[in-house]
Amino acid sequence: MLFRWLECERLQCMNNLVKVTTLSGIVSSLTVAGIISATAQAQPQSAPGPISAPNVTLKVQRSAGTCPQTIGLWWFVLPYEGGAEHTVVADTRAFSDSAKLVSSNKQVVEFVSPLRDNYASCVGQIQNKEYTFYNVQFKNKQAYFRVDLRKINAPAKEISYKTVAASRPYVRWAVAD
């Protein structure tokens, strides 16, 4: 009789152990799923597809005439040890139909864009304290876009490529320590 009672007690304990183990597995699985879900929701989501709008906007300070409010730049930076390569495209298509490279050397490049009729009277400029190496001036029915690396305090800096792409000024430049 005692043996039968111990065997019954042992079976009951094993059943309870199986139930506790199963319940523990379910609870831990739900906990892990909740953590993964919360982590996935906390991750910043990048915008799908390519950047179609400029990622930098510079404000135009108007002196006279009708001027665009801002000028957009697509500006991409590829850092590497000791420096970075920069690519910038000015969105001159907002106020002009074409651009032309007019002067360049290893430190400065300048493009000119004839203004559309609605902005032909514009006299103004971009004066941005943060990006002093990018300059835009509006005068004489034209817009002048300039990249001037002389304004950057770095031992090595150079304009490596410049062209007009899709009627917009396109410049690649690098800076290194």
C-alpha atoms as a PDB file:
ATOM      1  CA  MET A   1       0.000   0.000   0.000  1.00  0.00           C
ATOM      2  CA  LEU A   2       2.779   2.412   0.850  1.00  0.00           C
ATOM      3  CA  PHE A   3       4.509   1.517  -2.402  1.00  0.00           C
ATOM      4  CA  ARG A   4       1.360   2.242  -4.366  1.00  0.00           C
ATOM      5  CA  TRP A   5       0.908   5.575  -2.630  1.00  0.00           C
ATOM      6  CA  LEU A   6       4.579   6.588  -3.387  1.00  0.00           C
ATOM      7  CA  GLU A   7       4.199   5.587  -7.026  1.00  0.00           C
ATOM      8  CA  CYS A   8       1.040   7.646  -7.323  1.00  0.00           C
ATOM      9  CA  GLU A   9       2.728  10.588  -5.622  1.00  0.00           C
ATOM     10  CA  ARG A  10       5.702  10.276  -7.991  1.00  0.00           C
ATOM     11  CA  LEU A  11       3.423  10.216 -11.079  1.00  0.00           C
ATOM     12  CA  GLN A  12       1.580  13.283  -9.785  1.00  0.00           C
ATOM     13  CA  CYS A  13       4.899  15.120  -9.308  1.00  0.00           C
ATOM     14  CA  MET A  14       6.025  14.164 -12.822  1.00  0.00           C
ATOM     15  CA  ASN A  15       2.713  15.368 -14.302  1.00  0.00           C
ATOM     16  CA  ASN A  16       3.096  18.642 -12.426  1.00  0.00           C
ATOM     17  CA  LEU A  17       6.701  18.940 -13.628  1.00  0.00           C
ATOM     18  CA  VAL A  18       5.624  18.380 -17.248  1.00  0.00           C
ATOM     19  CA  LYS A  19       2.906  21.051 -16.860  1.00  0.00           C
ATOM     20  CA  VAL A  20       5.338  23.528 -15.285  1.00  0.00           C
ATOM     21  CA  THR A  21       7.958  22.872 -17.983  1.00  0.00           C
ATOM     22  CA  THR A  22       5.403  23.298 -20.781  1.00  0.00           C
ATOM     23  CA  LEU A  23       4.012  26.471 -19.223  1.00  0.00           C
ATOM     24  CA  SER A  24       7.532  27.809 -18.706  1.00  0.00           C
ATOM     25  CA  GLY A  25       8.372  27.158 -22.375  1.00  0.00           C
ATOM     26  CA  ILE A  26       5.239  28.973 -23.553  1.00  0.00           C
ATOM     27  CA  VAL A  27       5.834  31.964 -21.272  1.00  0.00           C
ATOM     28  CA  SER A  28       9.506  32.282 -22.272  1.00  0.00           C
ATOM     29  CA  SER A  29       8.593  32.014 -25.980  1.00  0.00           C
ATOM     30  CA  LEU A  30       6.001  34.778 -25.587  1.00  0.00           C
ATOM     31  CA  THR A  31       8.510  36.912 -23.680  1.00  0.00           C
ATOM     32  CA  VAL A  32      11.150  36.514 -26.397  1.00  0.00           C
ATOM     33  CA  ALA A  33       8.576  37.287 -29.107  1.00  0.00           C
ATOM     34  CA  GLY A  34       7.520  40.425 -27.208  1.00  0.00           C
ATOM     35  CA  ILE A  35      11.122  41.602 -26.859  1.00  0.00           C
ATOM     36  CA  ILE A  36      11.832  41.007 -30.544  1.00  0.00           C
ATOM     37  CA  SER A  37       8.645  42.829 -31.520  1.00  0.00           C
ATOM     38  CA  ALA A  38       9.434  45.804 -29.266  1.00  0.00           C
ATOM     39  CA  THR A  39      13.005  45.968 -30.590  1.00  0.00           C
ATOM     40  CA  ALA A  40      11.822  45.832 -34.204  1.00  0.00           C
ATOM     41  CA  GLN A  41       9.341  48.638 -33.565  1.00  0.00           C
ATOM     42  CA  ALA A  42      12.007  50.761 -31.854  1.00  0.00           C
ATOM     43  CA  GLN A  43      14.349  50.564 -34.853  1.00  0.00           C
ATOM     44  CA  PRO A  44      14.159  53.687 -37.054  1.00  0.00           C
ATOM     45  CA  GLN A  45      12.785  52.857 -40.454  1.00  0.00           C
ATOM     46  CA  SER A  46      14.588  54.287 -43.462  1.00  0.00           C
ATOM     47  CA  ALA A  47      12.554  55.818 -46.228  1.00  0.00           C
ATOM     48  CA  PRO A  48      11.981  53.388 -49.072  1.00  0.00           C
ATOM     49  CA  GLY A  49      13.675  54.055 -52.368  1.00  0.00           C
ATOM     50  CA  PRO A  50      16.123  56.716 -53.466  1.00  0.00           C
ATOM     51  CA  ILE A  51      16.248  60.282 -52.198  1.00  0.00           C
ATOM     52  CA  SER A  52      14.119  62.227 -54.645  1.00  0.00           C
ATOM     53  CA  ALA A  53      14.115  65.590 -52.867  1.00  0.00           C
ATOM     54  CA  PRO A  54      17.182  67.565 -51.768  1.00  0.00           C
ATOM     55  CA  ASN A  55      18.361  66.660 -48.266  1.00  0.00           C
ATOM     56  CA  VAL A  56      19.818  70.124 -47.466  1.00  0.00           C
ATOM     57  CA  THR A  57      17.898  73.382 -47.839  1.00  0.00           C
ATOM     58  CA  LEU A  58      19.612  76.768 -47.841  1.00  0.00           C
ATOM     59  CA  LYS A  59      17.651  79.983 -47.370  1.00  0.00           C
ATOM     60  CA  VAL A  60      17.986  82.765 -49.944  1.00  0.00           C
ATOM     61  CA  GLN A  61      18.523  86.258 -48.530  1.00  0.00           C
ATOM     62  CA  ARG A  62      16.837  88.556 -51.036  1.00  0.00           C
ATOM     63  CA  SER A  63      18.141  92.079 -51.640  1.00  0.00           C
ATOM     64  CA  ALA A  64      15.861  92.970 -54.570  1.00  0.00           C
ATOM     65  CA  GLY A  65      13.438  91.468 -57.068  1.00  0.00           C
ATOM     66  CA  THR A  66      11.612  88.149 -56.941  1.00  0.00           C
ATOM     67  CA  CYS A  67      13.799  85.328 -55.650  1.00  0.00           C
ATOM     68  CA  PRO A  68      13.308  81.679 -54.787  1.00  0.00           C
ATOM     69  CA  GLN A  69      12.821  81.194 -51.025  1.00  0.00           C
ATOM     70  CA  THR A  70      15.375  78.394 -50.770  1.00  0.00           C
ATOM     71  CA  ILE A  71      17.846  76.344 -52.735  1.00  0.00           C
ATOM     72  CA  GLY A  72      18.073  72.608 -52.251  1.00  0.00           C
ATOM     73  CA  LEU A  73      21.197  70.490 -52.325  1.00  0.00           C
ATOM     74  CA  TRP A  74      21.594  66.787 -52.598  1.00  0.00           C
ATOM     75  CA  TRP A  75      24.672  66.290 -50.429  1.00  0.00           C
ATOM     76  CA  PHE A  76      26.125  62.843 -49.799  1.00  0.00           C
ATOM     77  CA  VAL A  77      29.140  62.077 -47.617  1.00  0.00           C
ATOM     78  CA  LEU A  78      31.190  58.899 -47.759  1.00  0.00           C
ATOM     79  CA  PRO A  79      33.522  58.877 -44.730  1.00  0.00           C
ATOM     80  CA  TYR A  80      36.788  57.005 -44.708  1.00  0.00           C
ATOM     81  CA  GLU A  81      39.639  56.828 -42.215  1.00  0.00           C
ATOM     82  CA  GLY A  82      41.116  60.299 -41.951  1.00  0.00           C
ATOM     83  CA  GLY A  83      38.611  62.099 -44.171  1.00  0.00           C
ATOM     84  CA  ALA A  84      35.548  61.955 -46.365  1.00  0.00           C
ATOM     85  CA  GLU A  85      34.415  62.210 -49.955  1.00  0.00           C
ATOM     86  CA  HIS A  86      31.545  64.612 -50.588  1.00  0.00           C
ATOM     87  CA  THR A  87      29.192  64.720 -53.542  1.00  0.00           C
ATOM     88  CA  VAL A  88      26.889  67.708 -53.964  1.00  0.00           C
ATOM     89  CA  VAL A  89      24.282  68.478 -56.601  1.00  0.00           C
ATOM     90  CA  ALA A  90      22.595  71.891 -56.542  1.00  0.00           C
ATOM     91  CA  ASP A  91      18.896  71.904 -57.420  1.00  0.00           C
ATOM     92  CA  THR A  92      19.127  74.821 -59.828  1.00  0.00           C
ATOM     93  CA  ARG A  93      16.230  73.356 -61.836  1.00  0.00           C
ATOM     94  CA  ALA A  94      13.891  75.081 -59.368  1.00  0.00           C
ATOM     95  CA  PHE A  95      14.780  78.464 -60.949  1.00  0.00           C
ATOM     96  CA  SER A  96      16.757  77.682 -64.139  1.00  0.00           C
ATOM     97  CA  ASP A  97      16.620  75.269 -67.039  1.00  0.00           C
ATOM     98  CA  SER A  98      20.366  74.838 -67.501  1.00  0.00           C
ATOM     99  CA  ALA A  99      23.753  75.238 -65.852  1.00  0.00           C
ATOM    100  CA  LYS A 100      27.239  75.753 -67.215  1.00  0.00           C
ATOM    101  CA  LEU A 101      30.664  75.209 -65.636  1.00  0.00           C
ATOM    102  CA  VAL A 102      32.486  78.560 -65.901  1.00  0.00           C
ATOM    103  CA  SER A 103      35.645  78.211 -63.798  1.00  0.00           C
ATOM    104  CA  SER A 104      37.443  75.652 -61.686  1.00  0.00           C
ATOM    105  CA  ASN A 105      40.667  74.594 -60.066  1.00  0.00           C
ATOM    106  CA  LYS A 106      41.540  72.125 -57.272  1.00  0.00           C
ATOM    107  CA  GLN A 107      39.979  74.371 -54.588  1.00  0.00           C
ATOM    108  CA  VAL A 108      37.110  76.303 -56.237  1.00  0.00           C
ATOM    109  CA  VAL A 109      34.495  75.505 -58.852  1.00  0.00           C
ATOM    110  CA  GLU A 110      31.778  77.836 -60.151  1.00  0.00           C
ATOM    111  CA  PHE A 111      28.698  77.249 -62.275  1.00  0.00           C
ATOM    112  CA  VAL A 112      26.324  79.795 -63.792  1.00  0.00           C
ATOM    113  CA  SER A 113      22.623  79.269 -64.522  1.00  0.00           C
ATOM    114  CA  PRO A 114      20.458  81.769 -66.432  1.00  0.00           C
ATOM    115  CA  LEU A 115      17.372  82.575 -64.366  1.00  0.00           C
ATOM    116  CA  ARG A 116      13.864  81.935 -65.651  1.00  0.00           C
ATOM    117  CA  ASP A 117      11.810  85.062 -66.403  1.00  0.00           C
ATOM    118  CA  ASN A 118       9.900  84.912 -63.097  1.00  0.00           C
ATOM    119  CA  TYR A 119      13.218  85.132 -61.159  1.00  0.00           C
ATOM    120  CA  ALA A 120      15.224  87.329 -63.586  1.00  0.00           C
ATOM    121  CA  SER A 121      14.913  90.360 -61.263  1.00  0.00           C
ATOM    122  CA  CYS A 122      16.390  88.470 -58.290  1.00  0.00           C
ATOM    123  CA  VAL A 123      19.343  89.939 -56.438  1.00  0.00           C
ATOM    124  CA  GLY A 124      20.309  87.911 -53.385  1.00  0.00           C
ATOM    125  CA  GLN A 125      22.527  85.242 -51.969  1.00  0.00           C
ATOM    126  CA  ILE A 126      22.924  82.327 -49.630  1.00  0.00           C
ATOM    127  CA  GLN A 127      24.772  83.157 -46.435  1.00  0.00           C
ATOM    128  CA  ASN A 128      24.896  80.024 -44.357  1.00  0.00           C
ATOM    129  CA  LYS A 129      27.287  80.005 -41.395  1.00  0.00           C
ATOM    130  CA  GLU A 130      27.318  76.208 -41.220  1.00  0.00           C
ATOM    131  CA  TYR A 131      28.091  75.514 -44.907  1.00  0.00           C
ATOM    132  CA  THR A 132      30.298  78.487 -45.838  1.00  0.00           C
ATOM    133  CA  PHE A 133      31.987  76.467 -48.587  1.00  0.00           C
ATOM    134  CA  TYR A 134      28.695  76.406 -50.568  1.00  0.00           C
ATOM    135  CA  ASN A 135      27.715  79.757 -52.021  1.00  0.00           C
ATOM    136  CA  VAL A 136      24.918  80.881 -54.328  1.00  0.00           C
ATOM    137  CA  GLN A 137      24.529  84.405 -55.646  1.00  0.00           C
ATOM    138  CA  PHE A 138      21.723  85.837 -57.733  1.00  0.00           C
ATOM    139  CA  LYS A 139      22.587  88.842 -59.913  1.00  0.00           C
ATOM    140  CA  ASN A 140      22.458  90.013 -63.539  1.00  0.00           C
ATOM    141  CA  LYS A 141      19.636  87.540 -64.360  1.00  0.00           C
ATOM    142  CA  GLN A 142      21.856  84.608 -63.393  1.00  0.00           C
ATOM    143  CA  ALA A 143      22.548  82.345 -60.452  1.00  0.00           C
ATOM    144  CA  TYR A 144      26.136  81.501 -59.548  1.00  0.00           C
ATOM    145  CA  PHE A 145      26.740  78.294 -57.594  1.00  0.00           C
ATOM    146  CA  ARG A 146      30.206  77.966 -56.071  1.00  0.00           C
ATOM    147  CA  VAL A 147      31.992  75.315 -54.038  1.00  0.00           C
ATOM    148  CA  ASP A 148      34.990  76.963 -52.315  1.00  0.00           C
ATOM    149  CA  LEU A 149      37.209  74.588 -50.343  1.00  0.00           C
ATOM    150  CA  ARG A 150      39.533  77.417 -49.285  1.00  0.00           C
ATOM    151  CA  LYS A 151      36.954  78.093 -46.562  1.00  0.00           C
ATOM    152  CA  ILE A 152      37.551  74.665 -44.990  1.00  0.00           C
ATOM    153  CA  ASN A 153      40.285  74.363 -42.378  1.00  0.00           C
ATOM    154  CA  ALA A 154      41.861  71.024 -43.293  1.00  0.00           C
ATOM    155  CA  PRO A 155      45.373  70.115 -44.456  1.00  0.00           C
ATOM    156  CA  ALA A 156      44.199  68.219 -47.549  1.00  0.00           C
ATOM    157  CA  LYS A 157      41.184  69.143 -49.656  1.00  0.00           C
ATOM    158  CA  GLU A 158      40.529  68.865 -53.346  1.00  0.00           C
ATOM    159  CA  ILE A 159      37.783  68.986 -55.940  1.00  0.00           C
ATOM    160  CA  SER A 160      38.093  65.681 -57.774  1.00  0.00           C
ATOM    161  CA  TYR A 161      35.219  65.892 -60.262  1.00  0.00           C
ATOM    162  CA  LYS A 162      32.837  68.522 -61.610  1.00  0.00           C
ATOM    163  CA  THR A 163      30.258  68.482 -64.371  1.00  0.00           C
ATOM    164  CA  VAL A 164      26.695  69.381 -65.246  1.00  0.00           C
ATOM    165  CA  ALA A 165      24.353  66.426 -64.737  1.00  0.00           C
ATOM    166  CA  ALA A 166      20.637  66.626 -65.594  1.00  0.00           C
ATOM    167  CA  SER A 167      21.120  70.407 -66.090  1.00  0.00           C
ATOM    168  CA  ARG A 168      22.389  70.751 -62.501  1.00  0.00           C
ATOM    169  CA  PRO A 169      25.860  71.500 -61.066  1.00  0.00           C
ATOM    170  CA  TYR A 170      27.502  68.291 -59.815  1.00  0.00           C
ATOM    171  CA  VAL A 171      30.700  68.375 -57.722  1.00  0.00           C
ATOM    172  CA  ARG A 172      32.690  65.665 -55.957  1.00  0.00           C
ATOM    173  CA  TRP A 173      35.289  66.792 -53.453  1.00  0.00           C
ATOM    174  CA  ALA A 174      37.363  65.255 -50.681  1.00  0.00           C
ATOM    175  CA  VAL A 175      38.899  66.401 -47.446  1.00  0.00           C
ATOM    176  CA  ALA A 176      41.451  64.627 -45.269  1.00  0.00           C
ATOM    177  CA  ASP A 177      43.325  65.279 -42.052  1.00  0.00           C
END
